[in-house]
Amino acid sequence: MKIMNLVMRLSLLVLALSLIVIVRPTAAQKAPIVLRWSDTNGPQAPLGMLAARFAKLTEEKTKGRVKVELYLSGSLVGYNIEPVQTGVTHFFPLVPSMAVDLVPAISVLDAPYIWKGDAHVYKVTDPRSNFMEAINSQLAKHGLRAVANFEMGFRNLTANKPLYKPEDLKGLKIRSIANPVFMAIVKAMGATPTPMPFPEVATALTTGVIDGQENPIPTIVVNKLHEVQKYIMLTEHVPTHAVIFMNLKAWESLTKEDQENLTNAAIEARDEIVQYQTKMDPEWRSQVKAAGCKIIGTADGLQLESYIKAVKEPVHQQFADKWGDLYQKIIDMGK
């Protein structure tokens, strides 16, 4: 009997030890790396949708090793690259020119009237392209990395009067993103560039603080700017790049495998939202018209060549020393 009791006790001890081994966290089970994604766009905007998809895909592809928390609608930080550098946030999709003070050459991505469409944009901005590898080598010196790029649509002017040609902008205050390239584009068009945070734009249009603004149609519709403006001019002067800037220390904290997983998640999410935008474009234009806002293209009298002449070369000359041969390289990659 004593022997049987001893055997039973030993069996229970072995079972207990085995359970301890089973539940003890292993290296693969350690707490996930949690990264913060910030943006001024809301969850219903294409960029907000991209953020949600990116977060889901990242967790799936890394098998839970990396999780992304979303802080949208400006809930964590404002539209600036500095919080990404300091690590207050780990991701922020920004127009390239927001990094112009750090890497002057990156602002070439915001050069007007040199882009041939989405395929051209993504060929140049593929994170694995020689072009972006060169950019990332410079960004690394400032604690940053460009993980991927999302093209939110080509930017168009809006106003309460038709702007058929650059001369029609004389005396108008047009809201601009607060960086030198975008302000130069608006100025070359003939208006006074008026920087302000994007969440203030709708109110500023309503109260007459500004006369117009420029953004892609998805942004215009999602933020209901077509309800406070009477005309959208299809100037399509520059694509709205949203370079997904990432804090370099956060990037380097990931294994090579998970760096690849994160990059693939960003590209996959981007491609899905690009398809969504393409599908939604007719609906967005229909909403614009239903609100009484008129879309003016070349068939309606828009003098696109006049805009190109007024903007393309003058802006290039202004930033030629910063852009160097990258300007021509982008043009060549579109042929």
C-alpha atoms as a PDB file:
ATOM      1  CA  MET A   1       0.000   0.000   0.000  1.00  0.00           C
ATOM      2  CA  LYS A   2       2.846   2.351   0.943  1.00  0.00           C
ATOM      3  CA  ILE A   3       4.513   1.628  -2.389  1.00  0.00           C
ATOM      4  CA  MET A   4       1.284   2.366  -4.256  1.00  0.00           C
ATOM      5  CA  ASN A   5       0.843   5.657  -2.356  1.00  0.00           C
ATOM      6  CA  LEU A   6       4.412   6.610  -3.170  1.00  0.00           C
ATOM      7  CA  VAL A   7       3.881   5.832  -6.861  1.00  0.00           C
ATOM      8  CA  MET A   8       0.703   7.924  -6.888  1.00  0.00           C
ATOM      9  CA  ARG A   9       2.466  10.850  -5.224  1.00  0.00           C
ATOM     10  CA  LEU A  10       5.325  10.649  -7.685  1.00  0.00           C
ATOM     11  CA  SER A  11       2.819  10.554 -10.572  1.00  0.00           C
ATOM     12  CA  LEU A  12       1.037  13.638  -9.273  1.00  0.00           C
ATOM     13  CA  LEU A  13       4.363  15.441  -8.876  1.00  0.00           C
ATOM     14  CA  VAL A  14       5.369  14.633 -12.457  1.00  0.00           C
ATOM     15  CA  LEU A  15       1.972  15.853 -13.695  1.00  0.00           C
ATOM     16  CA  ALA A  16       2.305  19.113 -11.754  1.00  0.00           C
ATOM     17  CA  LEU A  17       5.790  19.709 -13.094  1.00  0.00           C
ATOM     18  CA  SER A  18       4.602  19.040 -16.645  1.00  0.00           C
ATOM     19  CA  LEU A  19       1.803  21.587 -16.209  1.00  0.00           C
ATOM     20  CA  ILE A  20       4.301  24.175 -14.981  1.00  0.00           C
ATOM     21  CA  VAL A  21       6.385  23.581 -18.095  1.00  0.00           C
ATOM     22  CA  ILE A  22       3.318  23.922 -20.312  1.00  0.00           C
ATOM     23  CA  VAL A  23       2.135  27.249 -18.899  1.00  0.00           C
ATOM     24  CA  ARG A  24       5.566  28.837 -18.384  1.00  0.00           C
ATOM     25  CA  PRO A  25       6.015  31.601 -20.996  1.00  0.00           C
ATOM     26  CA  THR A  26       8.570  30.752 -23.628  1.00  0.00           C
ATOM     27  CA  ALA A  27      10.609  33.179 -25.714  1.00  0.00           C
ATOM     28  CA  ALA A  28       7.986  32.900 -28.432  1.00  0.00           C
ATOM     29  CA  GLN A  29       5.240  33.689 -25.920  1.00  0.00           C
ATOM     30  CA  LYS A  30       6.771  36.862 -24.478  1.00  0.00           C
ATOM     31  CA  ALA A  31       4.733  40.054 -24.403  1.00  0.00           C
ATOM     32  CA  PRO A  32       4.106  41.478 -27.887  1.00  0.00           C
ATOM     33  CA  ILE A  33       5.811  44.617 -29.130  1.00  0.00           C
ATOM     34  CA  VAL A  34       3.142  47.332 -29.159  1.00  0.00           C
ATOM     35  CA  LEU A  35       3.555  50.149 -31.681  1.00  0.00           C
ATOM     36  CA  ARG A  36       1.502  53.348 -31.942  1.00  0.00           C
ATOM     37  CA  TRP A  37       0.077  54.627 -35.247  1.00  0.00           C
ATOM     38  CA  SER A  38      -1.047  58.261 -35.314  1.00  0.00           C
ATOM     39  CA  ASP A  39      -2.926  60.269 -37.932  1.00  0.00           C
ATOM     40  CA  THR A  40      -5.108  63.344 -38.202  1.00  0.00           C
ATOM     41  CA  ASN A  41      -7.559  61.466 -40.440  1.00  0.00           C
ATOM     42  CA  GLY A  42     -10.571  59.733 -38.909  1.00  0.00           C
ATOM     43  CA  PRO A  43     -11.452  56.036 -39.124  1.00  0.00           C
ATOM     44  CA  GLN A  44     -13.789  56.525 -42.106  1.00  0.00           C
ATOM     45  CA  ALA A  45     -11.139  58.202 -44.263  1.00  0.00           C
ATOM     46  CA  PRO A  46      -9.129  55.950 -46.608  1.00  0.00           C
ATOM     47  CA  LEU A  47      -6.024  56.495 -44.465  1.00  0.00           C
ATOM     48  CA  GLY A  48      -7.966  55.555 -41.347  1.00  0.00           C
ATOM     49  CA  MET A  49      -9.169  52.405 -43.082  1.00  0.00           C
ATOM     50  CA  LEU A  50      -5.614  51.630 -44.183  1.00  0.00           C
ATOM     51  CA  ALA A  51      -4.432  52.009 -40.584  1.00  0.00           C
ATOM     52  CA  ALA A  52      -7.021  49.524 -39.316  1.00  0.00           C
ATOM     53  CA  ARG A  53      -6.176  47.008 -42.024  1.00  0.00           C
ATOM     54  CA  PHE A  54      -2.444  47.444 -41.435  1.00  0.00           C
ATOM     55  CA  ALA A  55      -2.884  46.801 -37.709  1.00  0.00           C
ATOM     56  CA  LYS A  56      -4.859  43.607 -38.362  1.00  0.00           C
ATOM     57  CA  LEU A  57      -2.452  42.293 -40.998  1.00  0.00           C
ATOM     58  CA  THR A  58       0.597  43.076 -38.870  1.00  0.00           C
ATOM     59  CA  GLU A  59      -0.764  41.086 -35.935  1.00  0.00           C
ATOM     60  CA  GLU A  60      -1.704  38.195 -38.249  1.00  0.00           C
ATOM     61  CA  LYS A  61       1.588  38.070 -40.138  1.00  0.00           C
ATOM     62  CA  THR A  62       3.701  38.292 -36.977  1.00  0.00           C
ATOM     63  CA  LYS A  63       1.492  35.765 -35.167  1.00  0.00           C
ATOM     64  CA  GLY A  64       0.790  38.295 -32.433  1.00  0.00           C
ATOM     65  CA  ARG A  65       4.422  39.250 -31.844  1.00  0.00           C
ATOM     66  CA  VAL A  66       3.723  42.810 -33.015  1.00  0.00           C
ATOM     67  CA  LYS A  67       0.540  44.775 -32.336  1.00  0.00           C
ATOM     68  CA  VAL A  68      -0.386  48.235 -33.592  1.00  0.00           C
ATOM     69  CA  GLU A  69      -2.517  50.656 -31.564  1.00  0.00           C
ATOM     70  CA  LEU A  70      -4.382  53.317 -33.535  1.00  0.00           C
ATOM     71  CA  TYR A  71      -4.652  56.979 -32.530  1.00  0.00           C
ATOM     72  CA  LEU A  72      -6.707  58.634 -35.251  1.00  0.00           C
ATOM     73  CA  SER A  73      -8.318  62.075 -35.667  1.00  0.00           C
ATOM     74  CA  GLY A  74      -5.296  63.764 -34.117  1.00  0.00           C
ATOM     75  CA  SER A  75      -5.956  62.088 -30.754  1.00  0.00           C
ATOM     76  CA  LEU A  76      -2.275  61.622 -29.870  1.00  0.00           C
ATOM     77  CA  VAL A  77      -0.146  64.081 -31.853  1.00  0.00           C
ATOM     78  CA  GLY A  78      -0.544  66.676 -34.584  1.00  0.00           C
ATOM     79  CA  TYR A  79       0.516  66.517 -38.222  1.00  0.00           C
ATOM     80  CA  ASN A  80       4.278  66.557 -37.755  1.00  0.00           C
ATOM     81  CA  ILE A  81       7.261  64.289 -38.173  1.00  0.00           C
ATOM     82  CA  GLU A  82       8.960  65.153 -34.878  1.00  0.00           C
ATOM     83  CA  PRO A  83       6.775  62.846 -32.718  1.00  0.00           C
ATOM     84  CA  VAL A  84       7.892  59.937 -34.921  1.00  0.00           C
ATOM     85  CA  GLN A  85      11.543  60.843 -34.411  1.00  0.00           C
ATOM     86  CA  THR A  86      11.164  61.061 -30.651  1.00  0.00           C
ATOM     87  CA  GLY A  87       9.072  57.897 -30.368  1.00  0.00           C
ATOM     88  CA  VAL A  88       5.948  59.560 -28.978  1.00  0.00           C
ATOM     89  CA  THR A  89       4.311  57.712 -31.849  1.00  0.00           C
ATOM     90  CA  HIS A  90       5.894  54.981 -33.956  1.00  0.00           C
ATOM     91  CA  PHE A  91       4.064  55.568 -37.250  1.00  0.00           C
ATOM     92  CA  PHE A  92       2.616  58.620 -38.964  1.00  0.00           C
ATOM     93  CA  PRO A  93       1.575  58.859 -42.650  1.00  0.00           C
ATOM     94  CA  LEU A  94       2.778  62.251 -43.896  1.00  0.00           C
ATOM     95  CA  VAL A  95       3.409  63.999 -47.191  1.00  0.00           C
ATOM     96  CA  PRO A  96       7.128  63.603 -47.993  1.00  0.00           C
ATOM     97  CA  SER A  97       7.850  67.320 -47.701  1.00  0.00           C
ATOM     98  CA  MET A  98       7.212  67.143 -43.954  1.00  0.00           C
ATOM     99  CA  ALA A  99      10.735  65.655 -43.769  1.00  0.00           C
ATOM    100  CA  VAL A 100      12.324  68.266 -46.047  1.00  0.00           C
ATOM    101  CA  ASP A 101      14.327  69.878 -43.225  1.00  0.00           C
ATOM    102  CA  LEU A 102      15.871  66.489 -42.442  1.00  0.00           C
ATOM    103  CA  VAL A 103      16.302  65.016 -45.926  1.00  0.00           C
ATOM    104  CA  PRO A 104      15.865  67.807 -48.499  1.00  0.00           C
ATOM    105  CA  ALA A 105      15.785  65.396 -51.449  1.00  0.00           C
ATOM    106  CA  ILE A 106      12.653  63.592 -50.203  1.00  0.00           C
ATOM    107  CA  SER A 107      10.511  66.612 -51.108  1.00  0.00           C
ATOM    108  CA  VAL A 108      11.014  65.722 -54.772  1.00  0.00           C
ATOM    109  CA  LEU A 109       8.160  63.249 -54.273  1.00  0.00           C
ATOM    110  CA  ASP A 110       5.870  66.284 -53.990  1.00  0.00           C
ATOM    111  CA  ALA A 111       7.086  67.807 -57.253  1.00  0.00           C
ATOM    112  CA  PRO A 112       4.042  68.940 -59.288  1.00  0.00           C
ATOM    113  CA  TYR A 113       2.975  67.699 -62.715  1.00  0.00           C
ATOM    114  CA  ILE A 114       5.615  64.986 -63.237  1.00  0.00           C
ATOM    115  CA  TRP A 115       3.558  61.931 -62.268  1.00  0.00           C
ATOM    116  CA  LYS A 116       1.871  59.595 -64.774  1.00  0.00           C
ATOM    117  CA  GLY A 117      -0.580  57.882 -62.430  1.00  0.00           C
ATOM    118  CA  ASP A 118      -0.691  55.379 -59.579  1.00  0.00           C
ATOM    119  CA  ALA A 119       1.548  52.788 -61.262  1.00  0.00           C
ATOM    120  CA  HIS A 120       4.267  55.404 -61.670  1.00  0.00           C
ATOM    121  CA  VAL A 121       3.878  56.509 -58.047  1.00  0.00           C
ATOM    122  CA  TYR A 122       4.218  52.988 -56.669  1.00  0.00           C
ATOM    123  CA  LYS A 123       7.130  52.103 -58.922  1.00  0.00           C
ATOM    124  CA  VAL A 124       9.098  55.036 -57.541  1.00  0.00           C
ATOM    125  CA  THR A 125       7.999  54.673 -53.904  1.00  0.00           C
ATOM    126  CA  ASP A 126       8.232  50.883 -53.546  1.00  0.00           C
ATOM    127  CA  PRO A 127      10.083  50.449 -50.221  1.00  0.00           C
ATOM    128  CA  ARG A 128      12.450  47.987 -51.889  1.00  0.00           C
ATOM    129  CA  SER A 129      13.270  50.205 -54.884  1.00  0.00           C
ATOM    130  CA  ASN A 130      16.718  51.736 -55.271  1.00  0.00           C
ATOM    131  CA  PHE A 131      15.058  55.149 -55.058  1.00  0.00           C
ATOM    132  CA  MET A 132      13.527  54.520 -51.624  1.00  0.00           C
ATOM    133  CA  GLU A 133      16.569  52.642 -50.348  1.00  0.00           C
ATOM    134  CA  ALA A 134      18.595  55.787 -51.020  1.00  0.00           C
ATOM    135  CA  ILE A 135      15.980  57.898 -49.234  1.00  0.00           C
ATOM    136  CA  ASN A 136      15.913  55.508 -46.270  1.00  0.00           C
ATOM    137  CA  SER A 137      19.676  55.644 -45.893  1.00  0.00           C
ATOM    138  CA  GLN A 138      19.301  59.405 -45.358  1.00  0.00           C
ATOM    139  CA  LEU A 139      16.235  59.120 -43.108  1.00  0.00           C
ATOM    140  CA  ALA A 140      18.113  56.658 -40.884  1.00  0.00           C
ATOM    141  CA  LYS A 141      20.502  59.447 -39.877  1.00  0.00           C
ATOM    142  CA  HIS A 142      17.498  61.185 -38.303  1.00  0.00           C
ATOM    143  CA  GLY A 143      15.924  58.210 -36.565  1.00  0.00           C
ATOM    144  CA  LEU A 144      13.332  57.497 -39.258  1.00  0.00           C
ATOM    145  CA  ARG A 145      12.357  54.954 -41.880  1.00  0.00           C
ATOM    146  CA  ALA A 146       9.827  55.060 -44.713  1.00  0.00           C
ATOM    147  CA  VAL A 147       7.992  51.740 -44.474  1.00  0.00           C
ATOM    148  CA  ALA A 148       5.682  52.216 -47.468  1.00  0.00           C
ATOM    149  CA  ASN A 149       3.718  54.852 -49.368  1.00  0.00           C
ATOM    150  CA  PHE A 150      -0.007  55.263 -49.946  1.00  0.00           C
ATOM    151  CA  GLU A 151      -1.249  57.512 -52.730  1.00  0.00           C
ATOM    152  CA  MET A 152      -4.497  59.074 -51.544  1.00  0.00           C
ATOM    153  CA  GLY A 153      -5.412  60.594 -54.894  1.00  0.00           C
ATOM    154  CA  PHE A 154      -4.227  63.553 -56.966  1.00  0.00           C
ATOM    155  CA  ARG A 155      -4.882  66.933 -55.401  1.00  0.00           C
ATOM    156  CA  ASN A 156      -7.477  69.369 -56.746  1.00  0.00           C
ATOM    157  CA  LEU A 157      -8.437  72.954 -55.973  1.00  0.00           C
ATOM    158  CA  THR A 158     -11.771  73.858 -54.412  1.00  0.00           C
ATOM    159  CA  ALA A 159     -13.368  77.313 -54.144  1.00  0.00           C
ATOM    160  CA  ASN A 160     -16.689  79.111 -54.245  1.00  0.00           C
ATOM    161  CA  LYS A 161     -16.026  80.396 -57.742  1.00  0.00           C
ATOM    162  CA  PRO A 162     -14.687  78.585 -60.814  1.00  0.00           C
ATOM    163  CA  LEU A 163     -10.911  78.805 -61.229  1.00  0.00           C
ATOM    164  CA  TYR A 164     -10.435  78.050 -64.905  1.00  0.00           C
ATOM    165  CA  LYS A 165      -6.896  79.413 -65.073  1.00  0.00           C
ATOM    166  CA  PRO A 166      -4.165  80.577 -62.655  1.00  0.00           C
ATOM    167  CA  GLU A 167      -5.159  84.209 -63.120  1.00  0.00           C
ATOM    168  CA  ASP A 168      -8.485  83.397 -61.446  1.00  0.00           C
ATOM    169  CA  LEU A 169      -6.679  82.695 -58.156  1.00  0.00           C
ATOM    170  CA  LYS A 170      -5.325  86.217 -57.792  1.00  0.00           C
ATOM    171  CA  GLY A 171      -6.200  87.621 -54.374  1.00  0.00           C
ATOM    172  CA  LEU A 172      -7.503  84.303 -53.026  1.00  0.00           C
ATOM    173  CA  LYS A 173      -6.297  82.668 -49.818  1.00  0.00           C
ATOM    174  CA  ILE A 174      -5.894  78.935 -50.386  1.00  0.00           C
ATOM    175  CA  ARG A 175      -5.199  76.621 -47.482  1.00  0.00           C
ATOM    176  CA  SER A 176      -1.904  74.788 -47.883  1.00  0.00           C
ATOM    177  CA  ILE A 177      -0.069  72.112 -45.970  1.00  0.00           C
ATOM    178  CA  ALA A 178       2.552  73.902 -43.894  1.00  0.00           C
ATOM    179  CA  ASN A 179       5.656  73.002 -45.839  1.00  0.00           C
ATOM    180  CA  PRO A 180       7.698  74.851 -48.474  1.00  0.00           C
ATOM    181  CA  VAL A 181       6.824  72.731 -51.530  1.00  0.00           C
ATOM    182  CA  PHE A 182       3.053  72.841 -51.101  1.00  0.00           C
ATOM    183  CA  MET A 183       3.142  76.528 -50.312  1.00  0.00           C
ATOM    184  CA  ALA A 184       5.256  77.117 -53.428  1.00  0.00           C
ATOM    185  CA  ILE A 185       2.712  75.223 -55.563  1.00  0.00           C
ATOM    186  CA  VAL A 186      -0.201  77.324 -54.303  1.00  0.00           C
ATOM    187  CA  LYS A 187       1.798  80.535 -54.744  1.00  0.00           C
ATOM    188  CA  ALA A 188       2.789  79.571 -58.302  1.00  0.00           C
ATOM    189  CA  MET A 189      -0.896  79.072 -59.071  1.00  0.00           C
ATOM    190  CA  GLY A 190      -1.417  82.729 -58.199  1.00  0.00           C
ATOM    191  CA  ALA A 191      -2.981  82.493 -54.722  1.00  0.00           C
ATOM    192  CA  THR A 192      -1.772  83.298 -51.231  1.00  0.00           C
ATOM    193  CA  PRO A 193      -0.855  80.033 -49.474  1.00  0.00           C
ATOM    194  CA  THR A 194      -2.440  79.918 -46.025  1.00  0.00           C
ATOM    195  CA  PRO A 195      -1.213  77.054 -43.851  1.00  0.00           C
ATOM    196  CA  MET A 196      -3.469  75.705 -41.122  1.00  0.00           C
ATOM    197  CA  PRO A 197      -4.173  72.361 -39.416  1.00  0.00           C
ATOM    198  CA  PHE A 198      -6.513  70.244 -41.506  1.00  0.00           C
ATOM    199  CA  PRO A 199      -9.221  69.862 -38.797  1.00  0.00           C
ATOM    200  CA  GLU A 200      -9.716  73.654 -38.980  1.00  0.00           C
ATOM    201  CA  VAL A 201     -10.231  73.806 -42.750  1.00  0.00           C
ATOM    202  CA  ALA A 202     -14.009  73.244 -42.947  1.00  0.00           C
ATOM    203  CA  THR A 203     -14.701  75.979 -40.387  1.00  0.00           C
ATOM    204  CA  ALA A 204     -12.243  78.348 -42.056  1.00  0.00           C
ATOM    205  CA  LEU A 205     -13.996  77.839 -45.410  1.00  0.00           C
ATOM    206  CA  THR A 206     -17.404  78.435 -43.845  1.00  0.00           C
ATOM    207  CA  THR A 207     -16.340  81.626 -42.083  1.00  0.00           C
ATOM    208  CA  GLY A 208     -14.356  82.988 -45.022  1.00  0.00           C
ATOM    209  CA  VAL A 209     -10.981  82.895 -43.285  1.00  0.00           C
ATOM    210  CA  ILE A 210      -9.789  81.122 -46.435  1.00  0.00           C
ATOM    211  CA  ASP A 211     -11.283  81.092 -49.929  1.00  0.00           C
ATOM    212  CA  GLY A 212     -10.385  77.563 -50.913  1.00  0.00           C
ATOM    213  CA  GLN A 213      -8.130  74.583 -50.352  1.00  0.00           C
ATOM    214  CA  GLU A 214      -6.563  71.706 -52.273  1.00  0.00           C
ATOM    215  CA  ASN A 215      -6.969  67.994 -51.613  1.00  0.00           C
ATOM    216  CA  PRO A 216      -7.839  64.744 -53.402  1.00  0.00           C
ATOM    217  CA  ILE A 217     -11.509  63.941 -53.968  1.00  0.00           C
ATOM    218  CA  PRO A 218     -11.639  61.175 -51.297  1.00  0.00           C
ATOM    219  CA  THR A 219     -10.435  63.633 -48.653  1.00  0.00           C
ATOM    220  CA  ILE A 220     -12.795  66.337 -49.879  1.00  0.00           C
ATOM    221  CA  VAL A 221     -15.851  64.076 -49.701  1.00  0.00           C
ATOM    222  CA  VAL A 222     -15.073  62.174 -46.491  1.00  0.00           C
ATOM    223  CA  ASN A 223     -14.538  65.490 -44.700  1.00  0.00           C
ATOM    224  CA  LYS A 224     -17.607  67.068 -46.370  1.00  0.00           C
ATOM    225  CA  LEU A 225     -15.652  69.960 -47.853  1.00  0.00           C
ATOM    226  CA  HIS A 226     -17.805  69.683 -50.969  1.00  0.00           C
ATOM    227  CA  GLU A 227     -20.705  70.844 -48.809  1.00  0.00           C
ATOM    228  CA  VAL A 228     -19.005  74.170 -48.040  1.00  0.00           C
ATOM    229  CA  GLN A 229     -17.433  74.737 -51.486  1.00  0.00           C
ATOM    230  CA  LYS A 230     -19.200  75.213 -54.816  1.00  0.00           C
ATOM    231  CA  TYR A 231     -16.492  74.090 -57.242  1.00  0.00           C
ATOM    232  CA  ILE A 232     -13.801  71.428 -57.529  1.00  0.00           C
ATOM    233  CA  MET A 233     -11.190  72.112 -60.206  1.00  0.00           C
ATOM    234  CA  LEU A 234      -9.479  68.944 -61.470  1.00  0.00           C
ATOM    235  CA  THR A 235      -6.001  70.465 -61.500  1.00  0.00           C
ATOM    236  CA  GLU A 236      -4.493  67.158 -60.293  1.00  0.00           C
ATOM    237  CA  HIS A 237      -1.246  68.989 -59.640  1.00  0.00           C
ATOM    238  CA  VAL A 238       0.435  66.422 -57.413  1.00  0.00           C
ATOM    239  CA  PRO A 239      -0.377  63.005 -55.924  1.00  0.00           C
ATOM    240  CA  THR A 240      -1.129  63.004 -52.208  1.00  0.00           C
ATOM    241  CA  HIS A 241       1.630  60.768 -50.984  1.00  0.00           C
ATOM    242  CA  ALA A 242       1.167  59.459 -47.482  1.00  0.00           C
ATOM    243  CA  VAL A 243       4.603  58.099 -46.691  1.00  0.00           C
ATOM    244  CA  ILE A 244       4.322  55.838 -43.674  1.00  0.00           C
ATOM    245  CA  PHE A 245       7.177  57.159 -41.573  1.00  0.00           C
ATOM    246  CA  MET A 246       8.331  54.892 -38.745  1.00  0.00           C
ATOM    247  CA  ASN A 247      10.541  55.461 -35.744  1.00  0.00           C
ATOM    248  CA  LEU A 248      13.887  53.801 -36.547  1.00  0.00           C
ATOM    249  CA  LYS A 249      14.445  52.372 -33.049  1.00  0.00           C
ATOM    250  CA  ALA A 250      11.036  50.715 -33.221  1.00  0.00           C
ATOM    251  CA  TRP A 251      11.916  49.286 -36.644  1.00  0.00           C
ATOM    252  CA  GLU A 252      15.243  47.971 -35.362  1.00  0.00           C
ATOM    253  CA  SER A 253      13.540  46.381 -32.349  1.00  0.00           C
ATOM    254  CA  LEU A 254      11.869  43.939 -34.726  1.00  0.00           C
ATOM    255  CA  THR A 255      13.445  40.762 -36.030  1.00  0.00           C
ATOM    256  CA  LYS A 256      14.350  40.651 -39.721  1.00  0.00           C
ATOM    257  CA  GLU A 257      11.391  38.329 -40.218  1.00  0.00           C
ATOM    258  CA  ASP A 258       8.963  40.735 -38.598  1.00  0.00           C
ATOM    259  CA  GLN A 259      10.421  43.721 -40.440  1.00  0.00           C
ATOM    260  CA  GLU A 260       9.536  41.848 -43.609  1.00  0.00           C
ATOM    261  CA  ASN A 261       6.108  40.942 -42.211  1.00  0.00           C
ATOM    262  CA  LEU A 262       5.419  44.568 -41.329  1.00  0.00           C
ATOM    263  CA  THR A 263       6.486  45.795 -44.771  1.00  0.00           C
ATOM    264  CA  ASN A 264       4.280  43.212 -46.452  1.00  0.00           C
ATOM    265  CA  ALA A 265       1.369  44.177 -44.202  1.00  0.00           C
ATOM    266  CA  ALA A 266       1.765  47.829 -45.189  1.00  0.00           C
ATOM    267  CA  ILE A 267       1.864  47.059 -48.904  1.00  0.00           C
ATOM    268  CA  GLU A 268      -1.065  44.625 -48.731  1.00  0.00           C
ATOM    269  CA  ALA A 269      -3.180  47.109 -46.766  1.00  0.00           C
ATOM    270  CA  ARG A 270      -2.267  49.862 -49.206  1.00  0.00           C
ATOM    271  CA  ASP A 271      -3.247  47.791 -52.226  1.00  0.00           C
ATOM    272  CA  GLU A 272      -6.620  46.950 -50.668  1.00  0.00           C
ATOM    273  CA  ILE A 273      -7.441  50.606 -49.944  1.00  0.00           C
ATOM    274  CA  VAL A 274      -6.264  51.665 -53.418  1.00  0.00           C
ATOM    275  CA  GLN A 275      -8.798  49.213 -54.847  1.00  0.00           C
ATOM    276  CA  TYR A 276     -11.437  50.611 -52.497  1.00  0.00           C
ATOM    277  CA  GLN A 277     -10.720  54.159 -53.658  1.00  0.00           C
ATOM    278  CA  THR A 278     -10.964  53.135 -57.308  1.00  0.00           C
ATOM    279  CA  LYS A 279     -14.296  51.425 -56.645  1.00  0.00           C
ATOM    280  CA  MET A 280     -15.642  54.387 -54.672  1.00  0.00           C
ATOM    281  CA  ASP A 281     -14.566  57.175 -57.039  1.00  0.00           C
ATOM    282  CA  PRO A 282     -17.851  57.251 -59.045  1.00  0.00           C
ATOM    283  CA  GLU A 283     -19.858  57.293 -55.811  1.00  0.00           C
ATOM    284  CA  TRP A 284     -17.787  60.136 -54.355  1.00  0.00           C
ATOM    285  CA  ARG A 285     -18.230  62.194 -57.511  1.00  0.00           C
ATOM    286  CA  SER A 286     -21.947  61.510 -57.370  1.00  0.00           C
ATOM    287  CA  GLN A 287     -22.045  62.802 -53.786  1.00  0.00           C
ATOM    288  CA  VAL A 288     -20.215  65.941 -54.884  1.00  0.00           C
ATOM    289  CA  LYS A 289     -22.791  66.659 -57.571  1.00  0.00           C
ATOM    290  CA  ALA A 290     -25.714  65.828 -55.286  1.00  0.00           C
ATOM    291  CA  ALA A 291     -24.471  68.469 -52.840  1.00  0.00           C
ATOM    292  CA  GLY A 292     -24.567  71.076 -55.590  1.00  0.00           C
ATOM    293  CA  CYS A 293     -20.797  71.251 -55.975  1.00  0.00           C
ATOM    294  CA  LYS A 294     -19.651  71.313 -59.610  1.00  0.00           C
ATOM    295  CA  ILE A 295     -16.605  69.420 -60.834  1.00  0.00           C
ATOM    296  CA  ILE A 296     -14.703  71.375 -63.482  1.00  0.00           C
ATOM    297  CA  GLY A 297     -12.364  69.490 -65.805  1.00  0.00           C
ATOM    298  CA  THR A 298     -10.813  70.301 -69.161  1.00  0.00           C
ATOM    299  CA  ALA A 299     -14.118  69.517 -70.900  1.00  0.00           C
ATOM    300  CA  ASP A 300     -15.724  72.236 -68.776  1.00  0.00           C
ATOM    301  CA  GLY A 301     -13.165  74.900 -69.630  1.00  0.00           C
ATOM    302  CA  LEU A 302     -10.373  74.185 -67.147  1.00  0.00           C
ATOM    303  CA  GLN A 303      -7.138  75.438 -68.745  1.00  0.00           C
ATOM    304  CA  LEU A 304      -4.923  72.665 -67.438  1.00  0.00           C
ATOM    305  CA  GLU A 305      -1.965  73.562 -69.632  1.00  0.00           C
ATOM    306  CA  SER A 306      -1.969  77.038 -68.115  1.00  0.00           C
ATOM    307  CA  TYR A 307      -1.710  75.536 -64.646  1.00  0.00           C
ATOM    308  CA  ILE A 308       1.113  73.242 -65.741  1.00  0.00           C
ATOM    309  CA  LYS A 309       2.996  76.160 -67.299  1.00  0.00           C
ATOM    310  CA  ALA A 310       2.533  78.322 -64.209  1.00  0.00           C
ATOM    311  CA  VAL A 311       3.542  75.666 -61.708  1.00  0.00           C
ATOM    312  CA  LYS A 312       5.747  72.851 -63.026  1.00  0.00           C
ATOM    313  CA  GLU A 313       8.987  74.515 -64.040  1.00  0.00           C
ATOM    314  CA  PRO A 314       8.891  77.458 -61.590  1.00  0.00           C
ATOM    315  CA  VAL A 315       8.544  75.098 -58.616  1.00  0.00           C
ATOM    316  CA  HIS A 316      11.227  72.812 -60.036  1.00  0.00           C
ATOM    317  CA  GLN A 317      13.624  75.741 -60.346  1.00  0.00           C
ATOM    318  CA  GLN A 318      12.917  76.822 -56.795  1.00  0.00           C
ATOM    319  CA  PHE A 319      13.870  73.412 -55.389  1.00  0.00           C
ATOM    320  CA  ALA A 320      16.354  72.222 -58.028  1.00  0.00           C
ATOM    321  CA  ASP A 321      19.280  72.389 -55.621  1.00  0.00           C
ATOM    322  CA  LYS A 322      17.478  70.083 -53.173  1.00  0.00           C
ATOM    323  CA  TRP A 323      16.088  67.659 -55.749  1.00  0.00           C
ATOM    324  CA  GLY A 324      19.158  67.257 -57.931  1.00  0.00           C
ATOM    325  CA  ASP A 325      18.987  64.431 -60.462  1.00  0.00           C
ATOM    326  CA  LEU A 326      16.173  62.680 -58.561  1.00  0.00           C
ATOM    327  CA  TYR A 327      13.663  64.947 -60.320  1.00  0.00           C
ATOM    328  CA  GLN A 328      14.683  63.627 -63.735  1.00  0.00           C
ATOM    329  CA  LYS A 329      14.928  60.089 -62.374  1.00  0.00           C
ATOM    330  CA  ILE A 330      11.246  60.195 -61.384  1.00  0.00           C
ATOM    331  CA  ILE A 331      10.331  61.434 -64.871  1.00  0.00           C
ATOM    332  CA  ASP A 332      12.422  58.667 -66.484  1.00  0.00           C
ATOM    333  CA  MET A 333      10.772  55.984 -64.303  1.00  0.00           C
ATOM    334  CA  GLY A 334       7.415  57.056 -65.711  1.00  0.00           C
ATOM    335  CA  LYS A 335       8.333  56.509 -69.341  1.00  0.00           C
END
